[in-house]
Amino acid sequence: MTTMRSRTAIWFECKIQYEKTMEDGLQKKVTETYTTDALSFTEAEQRIMEEMSSYISGEFDIKDIKIAPYKEIFFSDADSADRWYKAKLQFITIDEKTAKEKRSSVNYLVNAGTLNGAVKNIDEVMGGTMIDYVIASVAETQIMDVYEYGKDKQTDEKPEYEQ
């Protein structure tokens, strides 16, 4: 069974340009998009430089950093979840005064292996809520990976002294 979790934070999309060795052995300049959470543009730049320096040998340039257009990210621990999908959900509420249906849209980033998998993951996370929603759209993004603050860097630290 796949475990899904969601996380709310300030997310930044960062475009990185570097020389990549292609399958045929030739070098090609590529631009890839990554996402990280941070408190500011400065922190986002620092975090993405730190993350990418362990994956890219040689120089790379940060070409763009912008606040990501999604509210939350739905992560999956499935091995097949190697793609990122932007999902637009519409939440349905009833206006008490007019008794009319009102829809508000929110964007999410969803980790999955396929489009159908993304829809399944959305339903898994949202199914645990009491919110009425409609999936308005789901589209694959160009995002290569998402880096969470503290993920994979957590330790079981103990206090220096006992009280």
C-alpha atoms as a PDB file:
ATOM      1  CA  MET A   1       0.000   0.000   0.000  1.00  0.00           C
ATOM      2  CA  THR A   2       1.211   3.501  -0.838  1.00  0.00           C
ATOM      3  CA  THR A   3       1.497   6.051   1.927  1.00  0.00           C
ATOM      4  CA  MET A   4       0.407   9.558   1.037  1.00  0.00           C
ATOM      5  CA  ARG A   5       1.075  12.693   3.049  1.00  0.00           C
ATOM      6  CA  SER A   6       0.587  16.357   2.394  1.00  0.00           C
ATOM      7  CA  ARG A   7       2.613  19.322   3.531  1.00  0.00           C
ATOM      8  CA  THR A   8       1.822  23.017   3.592  1.00  0.00           C
ATOM      9  CA  ALA A   9       4.734  25.460   3.340  1.00  0.00           C
ATOM     10  CA  ILE A  10       6.012  28.296   1.182  1.00  0.00           C
ATOM     11  CA  TRP A  11       7.228  26.537  -1.939  1.00  0.00           C
ATOM     12  CA  PHE A  12       9.618  27.982  -4.501  1.00  0.00           C
ATOM     13  CA  GLU A  13      10.223  26.758  -8.051  1.00  0.00           C
ATOM     14  CA  CYS A  14      13.888  27.047  -9.013  1.00  0.00           C
ATOM     15  CA  LYS A  15      15.243  26.711 -12.553  1.00  0.00           C
ATOM     16  CA  ILE A  16      18.786  25.382 -12.727  1.00  0.00           C
ATOM     17  CA  GLN A  17      20.963  25.419 -15.863  1.00  0.00           C
ATOM     18  CA  TYR A  18      24.014  23.183 -16.233  1.00  0.00           C
ATOM     19  CA  GLU A  19      25.981  20.967 -18.605  1.00  0.00           C
ATOM     20  CA  LYS A  20      24.525  17.452 -18.521  1.00  0.00           C
ATOM     21  CA  THR A  21      26.133  14.337 -19.966  1.00  0.00           C
ATOM     22  CA  MET A  22      23.531  12.749 -22.213  1.00  0.00           C
ATOM     23  CA  GLU A  23      23.091   9.010 -22.883  1.00  0.00           C
ATOM     24  CA  ASP A  24      25.189   9.306 -26.068  1.00  0.00           C
ATOM     25  CA  GLY A  25      28.063  10.784 -24.024  1.00  0.00           C
ATOM     26  CA  LEU A  26      27.723  14.327 -25.399  1.00  0.00           C
ATOM     27  CA  GLN A  27      27.478  17.348 -23.159  1.00  0.00           C
ATOM     28  CA  LYS A  28      24.302  19.403 -23.463  1.00  0.00           C
ATOM     29  CA  LYS A  29      23.233  22.541 -21.631  1.00  0.00           C
ATOM     30  CA  VAL A  30      19.907  21.820 -19.905  1.00  0.00           C
ATOM     31  CA  THR A  31      17.526  23.783 -17.711  1.00  0.00           C
ATOM     32  CA  GLU A  32      15.618  21.809 -15.091  1.00  0.00           C
ATOM     33  CA  THR A  33      12.994  22.853 -12.558  1.00  0.00           C
ATOM     34  CA  TYR A  34      13.132  21.853  -8.900  1.00  0.00           C
ATOM     35  CA  THR A  35      10.964  22.835  -5.959  1.00  0.00           C
ATOM     36  CA  THR A  36      12.043  23.584  -2.403  1.00  0.00           C
ATOM     37  CA  ASP A  37      10.412  25.054   0.655  1.00  0.00           C
ATOM     38  CA  ALA A  38      11.921  28.099   2.304  1.00  0.00           C
ATOM     39  CA  LEU A  39      11.032  31.245   4.213  1.00  0.00           C
ATOM     40  CA  SER A  40      12.442  33.659   1.624  1.00  0.00           C
ATOM     41  CA  PHE A  41      13.923  33.873  -1.872  1.00  0.00           C
ATOM     42  CA  THR A  42      17.394  34.075  -0.311  1.00  0.00           C
ATOM     43  CA  GLU A  43      16.853  30.897   1.683  1.00  0.00           C
ATOM     44  CA  ALA A  44      15.382  29.151  -1.382  1.00  0.00           C
ATOM     45  CA  GLU A  45      18.492  30.030  -3.384  1.00  0.00           C
ATOM     46  CA  GLN A  46      20.775  28.779  -0.613  1.00  0.00           C
ATOM     47  CA  ARG A  47      18.824  25.544  -0.186  1.00  0.00           C
ATOM     48  CA  ILE A  48      18.661  24.720  -3.900  1.00  0.00           C
ATOM     49  CA  MET A  49      22.391  25.418  -4.300  1.00  0.00           C
ATOM     50  CA  GLU A  50      23.111  23.091  -1.380  1.00  0.00           C
ATOM     51  CA  GLU A  51      20.869  20.334  -2.736  1.00  0.00           C
ATOM     52  CA  MET A  52      22.075  20.569  -6.344  1.00  0.00           C
ATOM     53  CA  SER A  53      25.780  20.727  -5.507  1.00  0.00           C
ATOM     54  CA  SER A  54      25.602  17.106  -4.349  1.00  0.00           C
ATOM     55  CA  TYR A  55      24.052  15.986  -7.674  1.00  0.00           C
ATOM     56  CA  ILE A  56      25.771  18.171 -10.268  1.00  0.00           C
ATOM     57  CA  SER A  57      29.505  17.994 -10.850  1.00  0.00           C
ATOM     58  CA  GLY A  58      30.762  21.265 -12.219  1.00  0.00           C
ATOM     59  CA  GLU A  59      29.134  24.646 -12.389  1.00  0.00           C
ATOM     60  CA  PHE A  60      25.447  25.424 -12.530  1.00  0.00           C
ATOM     61  CA  ASP A  61      23.442  28.628 -12.663  1.00  0.00           C
ATOM     62  CA  ILE A  62      20.186  29.462 -10.958  1.00  0.00           C
ATOM     63  CA  LYS A  63      18.186  31.040 -13.770  1.00  0.00           C
ATOM     64  CA  ASP A  64      14.924  31.750 -11.937  1.00  0.00           C
ATOM     65  CA  ILE A  65      13.295  31.473  -8.536  1.00  0.00           C
ATOM     66  CA  LYS A  66       9.601  32.158  -8.077  1.00  0.00           C
ATOM     67  CA  ILE A  67       6.955  31.392  -5.518  1.00  0.00           C
ATOM     68  CA  ALA A  68       5.236  28.194  -6.597  1.00  0.00           C
ATOM     69  CA  PRO A  69       1.556  28.416  -7.563  1.00  0.00           C
ATOM     70  CA  TYR A  70       0.402  25.581  -5.305  1.00  0.00           C
ATOM     71  CA  LYS A  71      -0.840  25.537  -1.750  1.00  0.00           C
ATOM     72  CA  GLU A  72       0.238  22.052  -0.711  1.00  0.00           C
ATOM     73  CA  ILE A  73       2.248  19.115  -1.966  1.00  0.00           C
ATOM     74  CA  PHE A  74       0.946  15.553  -1.809  1.00  0.00           C
ATOM     75  CA  PHE A  75       3.954  13.242  -1.444  1.00  0.00           C
ATOM     76  CA  SER A  76       3.958   9.524  -2.202  1.00  0.00           C
ATOM     77  CA  ASP A  77       6.413   6.897  -1.023  1.00  0.00           C
ATOM     78  CA  ALA A  78       5.659   4.567  -3.956  1.00  0.00           C
ATOM     79  CA  ASP A  79       8.728   3.599  -5.999  1.00  0.00           C
ATOM     80  CA  SER A  80       6.814   4.323  -9.204  1.00  0.00           C
ATOM     81  CA  ALA A  81       6.000   7.907  -8.117  1.00  0.00           C
ATOM     82  CA  ASP A  82       8.662   9.606 -10.244  1.00  0.00           C
ATOM     83  CA  ARG A  83       6.605  12.457 -11.720  1.00  0.00           C
ATOM     84  CA  TRP A  84       4.965  15.615 -10.416  1.00  0.00           C
ATOM     85  CA  TYR A  85       1.482  16.725 -11.420  1.00  0.00           C
ATOM     86  CA  LYS A  86      -0.185  20.085 -10.913  1.00  0.00           C
ATOM     87  CA  ALA A  87      -3.782  19.555  -9.811  1.00  0.00           C
ATOM     88  CA  LYS A  88      -6.485  22.198  -9.651  1.00  0.00           C
ATOM     89  CA  LEU A  89      -9.181  21.338  -7.147  1.00  0.00           C
ATOM     90  CA  GLN A  90     -12.429  23.230  -6.711  1.00  0.00           C
ATOM     91  CA  PHE A  91     -13.941  23.264  -3.250  1.00  0.00           C
ATOM     92  CA  ILE A  92     -17.709  23.464  -3.169  1.00  0.00           C
ATOM     93  CA  THR A  93     -19.537  25.502  -0.534  1.00  0.00           C
ATOM     94  CA  ILE A  94     -23.115  26.740  -0.299  1.00  0.00           C
ATOM     95  CA  ASP A  95     -23.685  30.462   0.251  1.00  0.00           C
ATOM     96  CA  GLU A  96     -26.008  30.631   3.261  1.00  0.00           C
ATOM     97  CA  LYS A  97     -27.707  33.855   2.119  1.00  0.00           C
ATOM     98  CA  THR A  98     -28.391  32.945  -1.514  1.00  0.00           C
ATOM     99  CA  ALA A  99     -28.337  29.138  -1.168  1.00  0.00           C
ATOM    100  CA  LYS A 100     -26.177  29.033  -4.314  1.00  0.00           C
ATOM    101  CA  GLU A 101     -23.201  26.775  -4.859  1.00  0.00           C
ATOM    102  CA  LYS A 102     -19.852  28.560  -4.706  1.00  0.00           C
ATOM    103  CA  ARG A 103     -16.574  27.077  -5.947  1.00  0.00           C
ATOM    104  CA  SER A 104     -13.101  28.176  -4.929  1.00  0.00           C
ATOM    105  CA  SER A 105     -10.016  26.850  -6.729  1.00  0.00           C
ATOM    106  CA  VAL A 106      -6.758  25.727  -5.136  1.00  0.00           C
ATOM    107  CA  ASN A 107      -3.647  24.298  -6.848  1.00  0.00           C
ATOM    108  CA  TYR A 108      -1.703  21.317  -5.477  1.00  0.00           C
ATOM    109  CA  LEU A 109       1.440  19.483  -6.547  1.00  0.00           C
ATOM    110  CA  VAL A 110       0.965  15.716  -6.564  1.00  0.00           C
ATOM    111  CA  ASN A 111       3.636  13.006  -6.659  1.00  0.00           C
ATOM    112  CA  ALA A 112       2.681   9.944  -8.758  1.00  0.00           C
ATOM    113  CA  GLY A 113       3.865   7.640 -11.527  1.00  0.00           C
ATOM    114  CA  THR A 114       0.917   8.240 -13.883  1.00  0.00           C
ATOM    115  CA  LEU A 115      -1.947  10.657 -14.419  1.00  0.00           C
ATOM    116  CA  ASN A 116      -4.407   8.073 -13.046  1.00  0.00           C
ATOM    117  CA  GLY A 117      -2.081   7.569 -10.085  1.00  0.00           C
ATOM    118  CA  ALA A 118      -2.146  11.319  -9.405  1.00  0.00           C
ATOM    119  CA  VAL A 119      -5.961  11.302  -9.367  1.00  0.00           C
ATOM    120  CA  LYS A 120      -5.906   8.285  -7.022  1.00  0.00           C
ATOM    121  CA  ASN A 121      -3.427  10.043  -4.711  1.00  0.00           C
ATOM    122  CA  ILE A 122      -5.585  13.182  -4.619  1.00  0.00           C
ATOM    123  CA  ASP A 123      -8.642  11.117  -3.721  1.00  0.00           C
ATOM    124  CA  GLU A 124      -6.662   9.283  -1.036  1.00  0.00           C
ATOM    125  CA  VAL A 125      -5.559  12.515   0.664  1.00  0.00           C
ATOM    126  CA  MET A 126      -8.822  14.422   0.172  1.00  0.00           C
ATOM    127  CA  GLY A 127     -10.977  11.400   1.047  1.00  0.00           C
ATOM    128  CA  GLY A 128      -9.874  11.831   4.655  1.00  0.00           C
ATOM    129  CA  THR A 129     -11.509  15.262   4.783  1.00  0.00           C
ATOM    130  CA  MET A 130     -15.128  16.371   4.975  1.00  0.00           C
ATOM    131  CA  ILE A 131     -14.630  18.889   2.144  1.00  0.00           C
ATOM    132  CA  ASP A 132     -16.700  18.598  -1.044  1.00  0.00           C
ATOM    133  CA  TYR A 133     -14.328  18.948  -3.995  1.00  0.00           C
ATOM    134  CA  VAL A 134     -14.052  18.440  -7.733  1.00  0.00           C
ATOM    135  CA  ILE A 135     -10.801  17.758  -9.587  1.00  0.00           C
ATOM    136  CA  ALA A 136     -10.911  20.476 -12.258  1.00  0.00           C
ATOM    137  CA  SER A 137      -7.614  19.545 -13.941  1.00  0.00           C
ATOM    138  CA  VAL A 138      -4.461  17.464 -13.562  1.00  0.00           C
ATOM    139  CA  ALA A 139      -1.386  18.016 -15.747  1.00  0.00           C
ATOM    140  CA  GLU A 140       2.171  16.705 -15.649  1.00  0.00           C
ATOM    141  CA  THR A 141       4.795  19.334 -14.808  1.00  0.00           C
ATOM    142  CA  GLN A 142       8.458  19.675 -15.766  1.00  0.00           C
ATOM    143  CA  ILE A 143       9.499  19.536 -12.087  1.00  0.00           C
ATOM    144  CA  MET A 144      12.345  17.070 -11.604  1.00  0.00           C
ATOM    145  CA  ASP A 145      12.219  16.789  -7.803  1.00  0.00           C
ATOM    146  CA  VAL A 146      10.997  18.421  -4.592  1.00  0.00           C
ATOM    147  CA  TYR A 147      13.286  19.113  -1.641  1.00  0.00           C
ATOM    148  CA  GLU A 148      11.688  19.498   1.776  1.00  0.00           C
ATOM    149  CA  TYR A 149      13.395  21.347   4.583  1.00  0.00           C
ATOM    150  CA  GLY A 150      14.808  18.854   7.063  1.00  0.00           C
ATOM    151  CA  LYS A 151      13.796  15.797   5.014  1.00  0.00           C
ATOM    152  CA  ASP A 152      16.567  13.183   4.991  1.00  0.00           C
ATOM    153  CA  LYS A 153      18.582  15.403   7.336  1.00  0.00           C
ATOM    154  CA  GLN A 154      16.708  14.602  10.523  1.00  0.00           C
ATOM    155  CA  THR A 155      18.634  13.033  13.344  1.00  0.00           C
ATOM    156  CA  ASP A 156      17.652  11.641  16.690  1.00  0.00           C
ATOM    157  CA  GLU A 157      19.474  14.297  18.670  1.00  0.00           C
ATOM    158  CA  LYS A 158      19.475  14.069  22.429  1.00  0.00           C
ATOM    159  CA  PRO A 159      19.982  17.002  24.758  1.00  0.00           C
ATOM    160  CA  GLU A 160      23.540  17.636  25.934  1.00  0.00           C
ATOM    161  CA  TYR A 161      22.437  17.294  29.519  1.00  0.00           C
ATOM    162  CA  GLU A 162      19.535  15.740  31.391  1.00  0.00           C
ATOM    163  CA  GLN A 163      17.509  17.912  33.713  1.00  0.00           C
END
